Amino acid sequence: YLVKEQGLPFRDAYHITGNAVNLAEEKGLDISQLSLEDLQSVDKRIGEGVVALLDNRASMNARQSEGGTATVRTLEQVESLKGWLADQN
């Protein structure tokens, strides 16, 4: 997000992300539980768009390529394996 959406150099994004992780640890939270205000206290360039990216389910479903982790792709693999197992018997 910081690199792709905000155009920050990777090195800067890396440090900002590390600071956000440290803040979450200090608060006893997972990084996805930090509020937007908490994240913006780390760096004002963090916008609302980052909140959805920190959602584990949204992150998982973002991988839509064949064999990816999106729910629809996982279900495709399950069905494929059911067919394979049926053929083995």
PDB file of N, CA and C in Angstrom:
ATOM      1  N   TYR A   1       0.823  -1.188   0.000  1.00  0.00           N
ATOM      2  CA  TYR A   1       0.000   0.000   0.000  1.00  0.00           C
ATOM      3  C   TYR A   1       0.872   1.259   0.000  1.00  0.00           C
ATOM      4  N   LEU A   2       1.805   1.320   0.903  1.00  0.00           N
ATOM      5  CA  LEU A   2       2.632   2.526   0.992  1.00  0.00           C
ATOM      6  C   LEU A   2       3.497   2.712  -0.247  1.00  0.00           C
ATOM      7  N   VAL A   3       3.953   1.620  -0.813  1.00  0.00           N
ATOM      8  CA  VAL A   3       4.786   1.698  -2.016  1.00  0.00           C
ATOM      9  C   VAL A   3       3.912   1.877  -3.251  1.00  0.00           C
ATOM     10  N   LYS A   4       2.928   0.992  -3.423  1.00  0.00           N
ATOM     11  CA  LYS A   4       2.106   1.012  -4.635  1.00  0.00           C
ATOM     12  C   LYS A   4       1.125   2.173  -4.678  1.00  0.00           C
ATOM     13  N   GLU A   5       0.437   2.417  -3.576  1.00  0.00           N
ATOM     14  CA  GLU A   5      -0.607   3.448  -3.554  1.00  0.00           C
ATOM     15  C   GLU A   5      -0.073   4.840  -3.216  1.00  0.00           C
ATOM     16  N   GLN A   6       0.864   4.895  -2.292  1.00  0.00           N
ATOM     17  CA  GLN A   6       1.362   6.192  -1.834  1.00  0.00           C
ATOM     18  C   GLN A   6       2.661   6.608  -2.511  1.00  0.00           C
ATOM     19  N   GLY A   7       3.284   5.680  -3.230  1.00  0.00           N
ATOM     20  CA  GLY A   7       4.501   6.012  -3.969  1.00  0.00           C
ATOM     21  C   GLY A   7       5.746   6.199  -3.119  1.00  0.00           C
ATOM     22  N   LEU A   8       5.726   5.647  -1.910  1.00  0.00           N
ATOM     23  CA  LEU A   8       6.894   5.783  -1.040  1.00  0.00           C
ATOM     24  C   LEU A   8       7.990   4.810  -1.455  1.00  0.00           C
ATOM     25  N   PRO A   9       9.233   5.179  -1.228  1.00  0.00           N
ATOM     26  CA  PRO A   9      10.315   4.218  -1.442  1.00  0.00           C
ATOM     27  C   PRO A   9      10.137   3.037  -0.482  1.00  0.00           C
ATOM     28  N   PHE A  10      10.535   1.857  -0.931  1.00  0.00           N
ATOM     29  CA  PHE A  10      10.374   0.656  -0.112  1.00  0.00           C
ATOM     30  C   PHE A  10      11.014   0.826   1.260  1.00  0.00           C
ATOM     31  N   ARG A  11      12.187   1.420   1.292  1.00  0.00           N
ATOM     32  CA  ARG A  11      12.900   1.601   2.566  1.00  0.00           C
ATOM     33  C   ARG A  11      12.041   2.383   3.565  1.00  0.00           C
ATOM     34  N   ASP A  12      11.397   3.466   3.113  1.00  0.00           N
ATOM     35  CA  ASP A  12      10.537   4.257   4.000  1.00  0.00           C
ATOM     36  C   ASP A  12       9.317   3.450   4.440  1.00  0.00           C
ATOM     37  N   ALA A  13       8.703   2.751   3.485  1.00  0.00           N
ATOM     38  CA  ALA A  13       7.522   1.943   3.802  1.00  0.00           C
ATOM     39  C   ALA A  13       7.870   0.859   4.821  1.00  0.00           C
ATOM     40  N   TYR A  14       9.043   0.287   4.678  1.00  0.00           N
ATOM     41  CA  TYR A  14       9.504  -0.757   5.598  1.00  0.00           C
ATOM     42  C   TYR A  14       9.584  -0.207   7.025  1.00  0.00           C
ATOM     43  N   HIS A  15      10.148   0.975   7.179  1.00  0.00           N
ATOM     44  CA  HIS A  15      10.279   1.575   8.516  1.00  0.00           C
ATOM     45  C   HIS A  15       8.919   1.958   9.092  1.00  0.00           C
ATOM     46  N   ILE A  16       8.048   2.494   8.263  1.00  0.00           N
ATOM     47  CA  ILE A  16       6.706   2.861   8.727  1.00  0.00           C
ATOM     48  C   ILE A  16       5.959   1.610   9.185  1.00  0.00           C
ATOM     49  N   THR A  17       6.059   0.552   8.393  1.00  0.00           N
ATOM     50  CA  THR A  17       5.393  -0.700   8.747  1.00  0.00           C
ATOM     51  C   THR A  17       5.944  -1.250  10.056  1.00  0.00           C
ATOM     52  N   GLY A  18       7.244  -1.197  10.222  1.00  0.00           N
ATOM     53  CA  GLY A  18       7.858  -1.642  11.473  1.00  0.00           C
ATOM     54  C   GLY A  18       7.360  -0.847  12.663  1.00  0.00           C
ATOM     55  N   ASN A  19       7.215   0.457  12.490  1.00  0.00           N
ATOM     56  CA  ASN A  19       6.702   1.298  13.572  1.00  0.00           C
ATOM     57  C   ASN A  19       5.249   0.956  13.897  1.00  0.00           C
ATOM     58  N   ALA A  20       4.462   0.635  12.875  1.00  0.00           N
ATOM     59  CA  ALA A  20       3.067   0.246  13.105  1.00  0.00           C
ATOM     60  C   ALA A  20       3.001  -1.083  13.858  1.00  0.00           C
ATOM     61  N   VAL A  21       3.855  -2.016  13.499  1.00  0.00           N
ATOM     62  CA  VAL A  21       3.910  -3.304  14.199  1.00  0.00           C
ATOM     63  C   VAL A  21       4.318  -3.083  15.652  1.00  0.00           C
ATOM     64  N   ASN A  22       5.298  -2.233  15.889  1.00  0.00           N
ATOM     65  CA  ASN A  22       5.721  -1.928  17.265  1.00  0.00           C
ATOM     66  C   ASN A  22       4.576  -1.330  18.069  1.00  0.00           C
ATOM     67  N   LEU A  23       3.812  -0.419  17.454  1.00  0.00           N
ATOM     68  CA  LEU A  23       2.678   0.191  18.142  1.00  0.00           C
ATOM     69  C   LEU A  23       1.649  -0.873  18.510  1.00  0.00           C
ATOM     70  N   ALA A  24       1.367  -1.761  17.579  1.00  0.00           N
ATOM     71  CA  ALA A  24       0.408  -2.835  17.855  1.00  0.00           C
ATOM     72  C   ALA A  24       0.892  -3.699  19.017  1.00  0.00           C
ATOM     73  N   GLU A  25       2.164  -4.033  19.020  1.00  0.00           N
ATOM     74  CA  GLU A  25       2.718  -4.853  20.105  1.00  0.00           C
ATOM     75  C   GLU A  25       2.627  -4.128  21.440  1.00  0.00           C
ATOM     76  N   GLU A  26       2.914  -2.830  21.434  1.00  0.00           N
ATOM     77  CA  GLU A  26       2.826  -2.038  22.668  1.00  0.00           C
ATOM     78  C   GLU A  26       1.407  -2.034  23.221  1.00  0.00           C
ATOM     79  N   LYS A  27       0.420  -2.019  22.325  1.00  0.00           N
ATOM     80  CA  LYS A  27      -0.986  -1.992  22.735  1.00  0.00           C
ATOM     81  C   LYS A  27      -1.551  -3.388  22.968  1.00  0.00           C
ATOM     82  N   GLY A  28      -0.748  -4.414  22.705  1.00  0.00           N
ATOM     83  CA  GLY A  28      -1.221  -5.780  22.872  1.00  0.00           C
ATOM     84  C   GLY A  28      -2.251  -6.185  21.831  1.00  0.00           C
ATOM     85  N   LEU A  29      -2.123  -5.614  20.639  1.00  0.00           N
ATOM     86  CA  LEU A  29      -3.081  -5.870  19.562  1.00  0.00           C
ATOM     87  C   LEU A  29      -2.396  -6.482  18.356  1.00  0.00           C
ATOM     88  N   ASP A  30      -3.200  -7.087  17.510  1.00  0.00           N
ATOM     89  CA  ASP A  30      -2.746  -7.477  16.184  1.00  0.00           C
ATOM     90  C   ASP A  30      -2.764  -6.204  15.339  1.00  0.00           C
ATOM     91  N   ILE A  31      -1.897  -6.102  14.364  1.00  0.00           N
ATOM     92  CA  ILE A  31      -1.842  -4.877  13.558  1.00  0.00           C
ATOM     93  C   ILE A  31      -3.187  -4.575  12.896  1.00  0.00           C
ATOM     94  N   SER A  32      -3.957  -5.617  12.578  1.00  0.00           N
ATOM     95  CA  SER A  32      -5.266  -5.407  11.952  1.00  0.00           C
ATOM     96  C   SER A  32      -6.276  -4.794  12.915  1.00  0.00           C
ATOM     97  N   GLN A  33      -5.970  -4.795  14.204  1.00  0.00           N
ATOM     98  CA  GLN A  33      -6.868  -4.227  15.202  1.00  0.00           C
ATOM     99  C   GLN A  33      -6.578  -2.759  15.501  1.00  0.00           C
ATOM    100  N   LEU A  34      -5.499  -2.222  14.953  1.00  0.00           N
ATOM    101  CA  LEU A  34      -5.206  -0.804  15.162  1.00  0.00           C
ATOM    102  C   LEU A  34      -6.231   0.043  14.425  1.00  0.00           C
ATOM    103  N   SER A  35      -6.621   1.132  15.041  1.00  0.00           N
ATOM    104  CA  SER A  35      -7.555   2.048  14.385  1.00  0.00           C
ATOM    105  C   SER A  35      -6.810   2.867  13.332  1.00  0.00           C
ATOM    106  N   LEU A  36      -7.572   3.476  12.453  1.00  0.00           N
ATOM    107  CA  LEU A  36      -6.970   4.352  11.455  1.00  0.00           C
ATOM    108  C   LEU A  36      -6.203   5.474  12.147  1.00  0.00           C
ATOM    109  N   GLU A  37      -6.744   5.975  13.244  1.00  0.00           N
ATOM    110  CA  GLU A  37      -6.068   7.040  13.988  1.00  0.00           C
ATOM    111  C   GLU A  37      -4.725   6.558  14.534  1.00  0.00           C
ATOM    112  N   ASP A  38      -4.709   5.327  15.047  1.00  0.00           N
ATOM    113  CA  ASP A  38      -3.445   4.752  15.525  1.00  0.00           C
ATOM    114  C   ASP A  38      -2.432   4.688  14.388  1.00  0.00           C
ATOM    115  N   LEU A  39      -2.878   4.173  13.241  1.00  0.00           N
ATOM    116  CA  LEU A  39      -1.980   4.031  12.095  1.00  0.00           C
ATOM    117  C   LEU A  39      -1.486   5.386  11.612  1.00  0.00           C
ATOM    118  N   GLN A  40      -2.370   6.375  11.604  1.00  0.00           N
ATOM    119  CA  GLN A  40      -1.972   7.707  11.157  1.00  0.00           C
ATOM    120  C   GLN A  40      -1.067   8.399  12.165  1.00  0.00           C
ATOM    121  N   SER A  41      -1.087   7.943  13.418  1.00  0.00           N
ATOM    122  CA  SER A  41      -0.141   8.504  14.395  1.00  0.00           C
ATOM    123  C   SER A  41       1.280   8.047  14.071  1.00  0.00           C
ATOM    124  N   VAL A  42       1.393   6.926  13.362  1.00  0.00           N
ATOM    125  CA  VAL A  42       2.693   6.426  12.915  1.00  0.00           C
ATOM    126  C   VAL A  42       3.163   7.244  11.721  1.00  0.00           C
ATOM    127  N   ASP A  43       2.242   7.487  10.778  1.00  0.00           N
ATOM    128  CA  ASP A  43       2.577   8.281   9.587  1.00  0.00           C
ATOM    129  C   ASP A  43       1.285   8.806   8.968  1.00  0.00           C
ATOM    130  N   LYS A  44       1.218  10.101   8.741  1.00  0.00           N
ATOM    131  CA  LYS A  44       0.009  10.743   8.214  1.00  0.00           C
ATOM    132  C   LYS A  44      -0.339  10.296   6.799  1.00  0.00           C
ATOM    133  N   ARG A  45       0.600   9.710   6.088  1.00  0.00           N
ATOM    134  CA  ARG A  45       0.328   9.274   4.713  1.00  0.00           C
ATOM    135  C   ARG A  45      -0.478   7.985   4.662  1.00  0.00           C
ATOM    136  N   ILE A  46      -0.684   7.368   5.807  1.00  0.00           N
ATOM    137  CA  ILE A  46      -1.513   6.164   5.853  1.00  0.00           C
ATOM    138  C   ILE A  46      -2.968   6.611   5.772  1.00  0.00           C
ATOM    139  N   GLY A  47      -3.647   6.153   4.738  1.00  0.00           N
ATOM    140  CA  GLY A  47      -5.042   6.541   4.520  1.00  0.00           C
ATOM    141  C   GLY A  47      -6.008   5.408   4.818  1.00  0.00           C
ATOM    142  N   GLU A  48      -7.286   5.678   4.592  1.00  0.00           N
ATOM    143  CA  GLU A  48      -8.335   4.706   4.882  1.00  0.00           C
ATOM    144  C   GLU A  48      -8.169   3.403   4.110  1.00  0.00           C
ATOM    145  N   GLY A  49      -7.553   3.473   2.935  1.00  0.00           N
ATOM    146  CA  GLY A  49      -7.394   2.290   2.103  1.00  0.00           C
ATOM    147  C   GLY A  49      -6.600   1.179   2.751  1.00  0.00           C
ATOM    148  N   VAL A  50      -5.770   1.519   3.699  1.00  0.00           N
ATOM    149  CA  VAL A  50      -4.923   0.499   4.330  1.00  0.00           C
ATOM    150  C   VAL A  50      -5.726  -0.401   5.265  1.00  0.00           C
ATOM    151  N   VAL A  51      -6.816   0.100   5.805  1.00  0.00           N
ATOM    152  CA  VAL A  51      -7.590  -0.680   6.774  1.00  0.00           C
ATOM    153  C   VAL A  51      -8.093  -1.980   6.144  1.00  0.00           C
ATOM    154  N   ALA A  52      -8.620  -1.901   4.935  1.00  0.00           N
ATOM    155  CA  ALA A  52      -9.118  -3.103   4.253  1.00  0.00           C
ATOM    156  C   ALA A  52      -7.984  -4.072   3.954  1.00  0.00           C
ATOM    157  N   LEU A  53      -6.813  -3.554   3.692  1.00  0.00           N
ATOM    158  CA  LEU A  53      -5.674  -4.420   3.383  1.00  0.00           C
ATOM    159  C   LEU A  53      -5.185  -5.194   4.596  1.00  0.00           C
ATOM    160  N   LEU A  54      -5.456  -4.677   5.772  1.00  0.00           N
ATOM    161  CA  LEU A  54      -5.030  -5.354   6.994  1.00  0.00           C
ATOM    162  C   LEU A  54      -6.022  -6.421   7.440  1.00  0.00           C
ATOM    163  N   ASP A  55      -7.165  -6.496   6.776  1.00  0.00           N
ATOM    164  CA  ASP A  55      -8.170  -7.516   7.062  1.00  0.00           C
ATOM    165  C   ASP A  55      -7.686  -8.837   6.464  1.00  0.00           C
ATOM    166  N   ASN A  56      -7.502  -9.842   7.301  1.00  0.00           N
ATOM    167  CA  ASN A  56      -6.961 -11.119   6.834  1.00  0.00           C
ATOM    168  C   ASN A  56      -7.803 -11.739   5.729  1.00  0.00           C
ATOM    169  N   ARG A  57      -9.121 -11.694   5.858  1.00  0.00           N
ATOM    170  CA  ARG A  57      -9.992 -12.289   4.847  1.00  0.00           C
ATOM    171  C   ARG A  57      -9.862 -11.546   3.524  1.00  0.00           C
ATOM    172  N   ALA A  58      -9.806 -10.227   3.576  1.00  0.00           N
ATOM    173  CA  ALA A  58      -9.651  -9.448   2.344  1.00  0.00           C
ATOM    174  C   ALA A  58      -8.308  -9.749   1.689  1.00  0.00           C
ATOM    175  N   SER A  59      -7.281  -9.882   2.495  1.00  0.00           N
ATOM    176  CA  SER A  59      -5.961 -10.207   1.962  1.00  0.00           C
ATOM    177  C   SER A  59      -5.970 -11.578   1.302  1.00  0.00           C
ATOM    178  N   MET A  60      -6.595 -12.532   1.952  1.00  0.00           N
ATOM    179  CA  MET A  60      -6.685 -13.883   1.410  1.00  0.00           C
ATOM    180  C   MET A  60      -7.455 -13.880   0.087  1.00  0.00           C
ATOM    181  N   ASN A  61      -8.576 -13.174   0.044  1.00  0.00           N
ATOM    182  CA  ASN A  61      -9.415 -13.164  -1.151  1.00  0.00           C
ATOM    183  C   ASN A  61      -8.837 -12.332  -2.283  1.00  0.00           C
ATOM    184  N   ALA A  62      -7.819 -11.573  -2.013  1.00  0.00           N
ATOM    185  CA  ALA A  62      -7.186 -10.773  -3.066  1.00  0.00           C
ATOM    186  C   ALA A  62      -6.384 -11.645  -4.025  1.00  0.00           C
ATOM    187  N   ARG A  63      -6.033 -12.838  -3.601  1.00  0.00           N
ATOM    188  CA  ARG A  63      -5.239 -13.743  -4.440  1.00  0.00           C
ATOM    189  C   ARG A  63      -6.170 -14.610  -5.274  1.00  0.00           C
ATOM    190  N   GLN A  64      -6.570 -14.056  -6.426  1.00  0.00           N
ATOM    191  CA  GLN A  64      -7.586 -14.659  -7.275  1.00  0.00           C
ATOM    192  C   GLN A  64      -7.032 -15.574  -8.359  1.00  0.00           C
ATOM    193  N   SER A  65      -5.726 -15.642  -8.510  1.00  0.00           N
ATOM    194  CA  SER A  65      -5.163 -16.468  -9.582  1.00  0.00           C
ATOM    195  C   SER A  65      -5.433 -17.948  -9.307  1.00  0.00           C
ATOM    196  N   GLU A  66      -5.347 -18.760 -10.353  1.00  0.00           N
ATOM    197  CA  GLU A  66      -5.581 -20.192 -10.206  1.00  0.00           C
ATOM    198  C   GLU A  66      -4.644 -20.757  -9.139  1.00  0.00           C
ATOM    199  N   GLY A  67      -5.226 -21.483  -8.191  1.00  0.00           N
ATOM    200  CA  GLY A  67      -4.442 -22.036  -7.093  1.00  0.00           C
ATOM    201  C   GLY A  67      -4.213 -21.050  -5.960  1.00  0.00           C
ATOM    202  N   GLY A  68      -4.781 -19.848  -6.084  1.00  0.00           N
ATOM    203  CA  GLY A  68      -4.604 -18.817  -5.065  1.00  0.00           C
ATOM    204  C   GLY A  68      -5.421 -19.097  -3.813  1.00  0.00           C
ATOM    205  N   THR A  69      -5.312 -18.213  -2.844  1.00  0.00           N
ATOM    206  CA  THR A  69      -5.948 -18.411  -1.544  1.00  0.00           C
ATOM    207  C   THR A  69      -7.365 -17.866  -1.454  1.00  0.00           C
ATOM    208  N   ALA A  70      -7.864 -17.222  -2.499  1.00  0.00           N
ATOM    209  CA  ALA A  70      -9.233 -16.704  -2.473  1.00  0.00           C
ATOM    210  C   ALA A  70     -10.205 -17.859  -2.228  1.00  0.00           C
ATOM    211  N   THR A  71     -11.279 -17.586  -1.514  1.00  0.00           N
ATOM    212  CA  THR A  71     -12.248 -18.623  -1.183  1.00  0.00           C
ATOM    213  C   THR A  71     -12.719 -19.364  -2.423  1.00  0.00           C
ATOM    214  N   VAL A  72     -13.049 -18.635  -3.472  1.00  0.00           N
ATOM    215  CA  VAL A  72     -13.536 -19.272  -4.696  1.00  0.00           C
ATOM    216  C   VAL A  72     -12.480 -20.199  -5.287  1.00  0.00           C
ATOM    217  N   ARG A  73     -11.216 -19.812  -5.241  1.00  0.00           N
ATOM    218  CA  ARG A  73     -10.137 -20.655  -5.774  1.00  0.00           C
ATOM    219  C   ARG A  73      -9.900 -21.883  -4.893  1.00  0.00           C
ATOM    220  N   THR A  74     -10.015 -21.713  -3.594  1.00  0.00           N
ATOM    221  CA  THR A  74      -9.852 -22.838  -2.677  1.00  0.00           C
ATOM    222  C   THR A  74     -10.964 -23.860  -2.889  1.00  0.00           C
ATOM    223  N   LEU A  75     -12.196 -23.376  -3.060  1.00  0.00           N
ATOM    224  CA  LEU A  75     -13.318 -24.283  -3.309  1.00  0.00           C
ATOM    225  C   LEU A  75     -13.145 -25.024  -4.630  1.00  0.00           C
ATOM    226  N   GLU A  76     -12.580 -24.352  -5.628  1.00  0.00           N
ATOM    227  CA  GLU A  76     -12.290 -25.024  -6.898  1.00  0.00           C
ATOM    228  C   GLU A  76     -11.316 -26.179  -6.681  1.00  0.00           C
ATOM    229  N   GLN A  77     -10.308 -25.950  -5.870  1.00  0.00           N
ATOM    230  CA  GLN A  77      -9.327 -26.996  -5.591  1.00  0.00           C
ATOM    231  C   GLN A  77      -9.961 -28.162  -4.832  1.00  0.00           C
ATOM    232  N   VAL A  78     -10.851 -27.853  -3.898  1.00  0.00           N
ATOM    233  CA  VAL A  78     -11.541 -28.904  -3.149  1.00  0.00           C
ATOM    234  C   VAL A  78     -12.347 -29.776  -4.108  1.00  0.00           C
ATOM    235  N   GLU A  79     -13.097 -29.136  -5.009  1.00  0.00           N
ATOM    236  CA  GLU A  79     -13.898 -29.896  -5.975  1.00  0.00           C
ATOM    237  C   GLU A  79     -13.009 -30.728  -6.889  1.00  0.00           C
ATOM    238  N   SER A  80     -11.909 -30.158  -7.313  1.00  0.00           N
ATOM    239  CA  SER A  80     -10.976 -30.885  -8.168  1.00  0.00           C
ATOM    240  C   SER A  80     -10.430 -32.119  -7.450  1.00  0.00           C
ATOM    241  N   LEU A  81     -10.083 -31.950  -6.195  1.00  0.00           N
ATOM    242  CA  LEU A  81      -9.550 -33.074  -5.420  1.00  0.00           C
ATOM    243  C   LEU A  81     -10.616 -34.124  -5.121  1.00  0.00           C
ATOM    244  N   LYS A  82     -11.859 -33.696  -4.944  1.00  0.00           N
ATOM    245  CA  LYS A  82     -12.943 -34.664  -4.757  1.00  0.00           C
ATOM    246  C   LYS A  82     -13.054 -35.552  -5.989  1.00  0.00           C
ATOM    247  N   GLY A  83     -12.975 -34.934  -7.157  1.00  0.00           N
ATOM    248  CA  GLY A  83     -13.020 -35.701  -8.403  1.00  0.00           C
ATOM    249  C   GLY A  83     -11.848 -36.655  -8.512  1.00  0.00           C
ATOM    250  N   TRP A  84     -10.681 -36.182  -8.163  1.00  0.00           N
ATOM    251  CA  TRP A  84      -9.482 -37.020  -8.215  1.00  0.00           C
ATOM    252  C   TRP A  84      -9.621 -38.212  -7.265  1.00  0.00           C
ATOM    253  N   LEU A  85     -10.102 -37.943  -6.039  1.00  0.00           N
ATOM    254  CA  LEU A  85     -10.279 -39.023  -5.066  1.00  0.00           C
ATOM    255  C   LEU A  85     -11.302 -40.045  -5.548  1.00  0.00           C
ATOM    256  N   ALA A  86     -12.380 -39.575  -6.151  1.00  0.00           N
ATOM    257  CA  ALA A  86     -13.401 -40.487  -6.675  1.00  0.00           C
ATOM    258  C   ALA A  86     -12.810 -41.388  -7.751  1.00  0.00           C
ATOM    259  N   ASP A  87     -11.925 -40.839  -8.564  1.00  0.00           N
ATOM    260  CA  ASP A  87     -11.280 -41.623  -9.626  1.00  0.00           C
ATOM    261  C   ASP A  87     -10.312 -42.657  -9.069  1.00  0.00           C
ATOM    262  N   GLN A  88      -9.827 -42.465  -7.857  1.00  0.00           N
ATOM    263  CA  GLN A  88      -8.863 -43.384  -7.254  1.00  0.00           C
ATOM    264  C   GLN A  88      -9.528 -44.645  -6.716  1.00  0.00           C
ATOM    265  N   ASN A  89     -10.826 -44.586  -6.506  1.00  0.00           N
ATOM    266  CA  ASN A  89     -11.548 -45.741  -5.926  1.00  0.00           C
ATOM    267  C   ASN A  89     -12.103 -46.623  -6.969  1.00  0.00           C
TER     268      ASN A  89
END
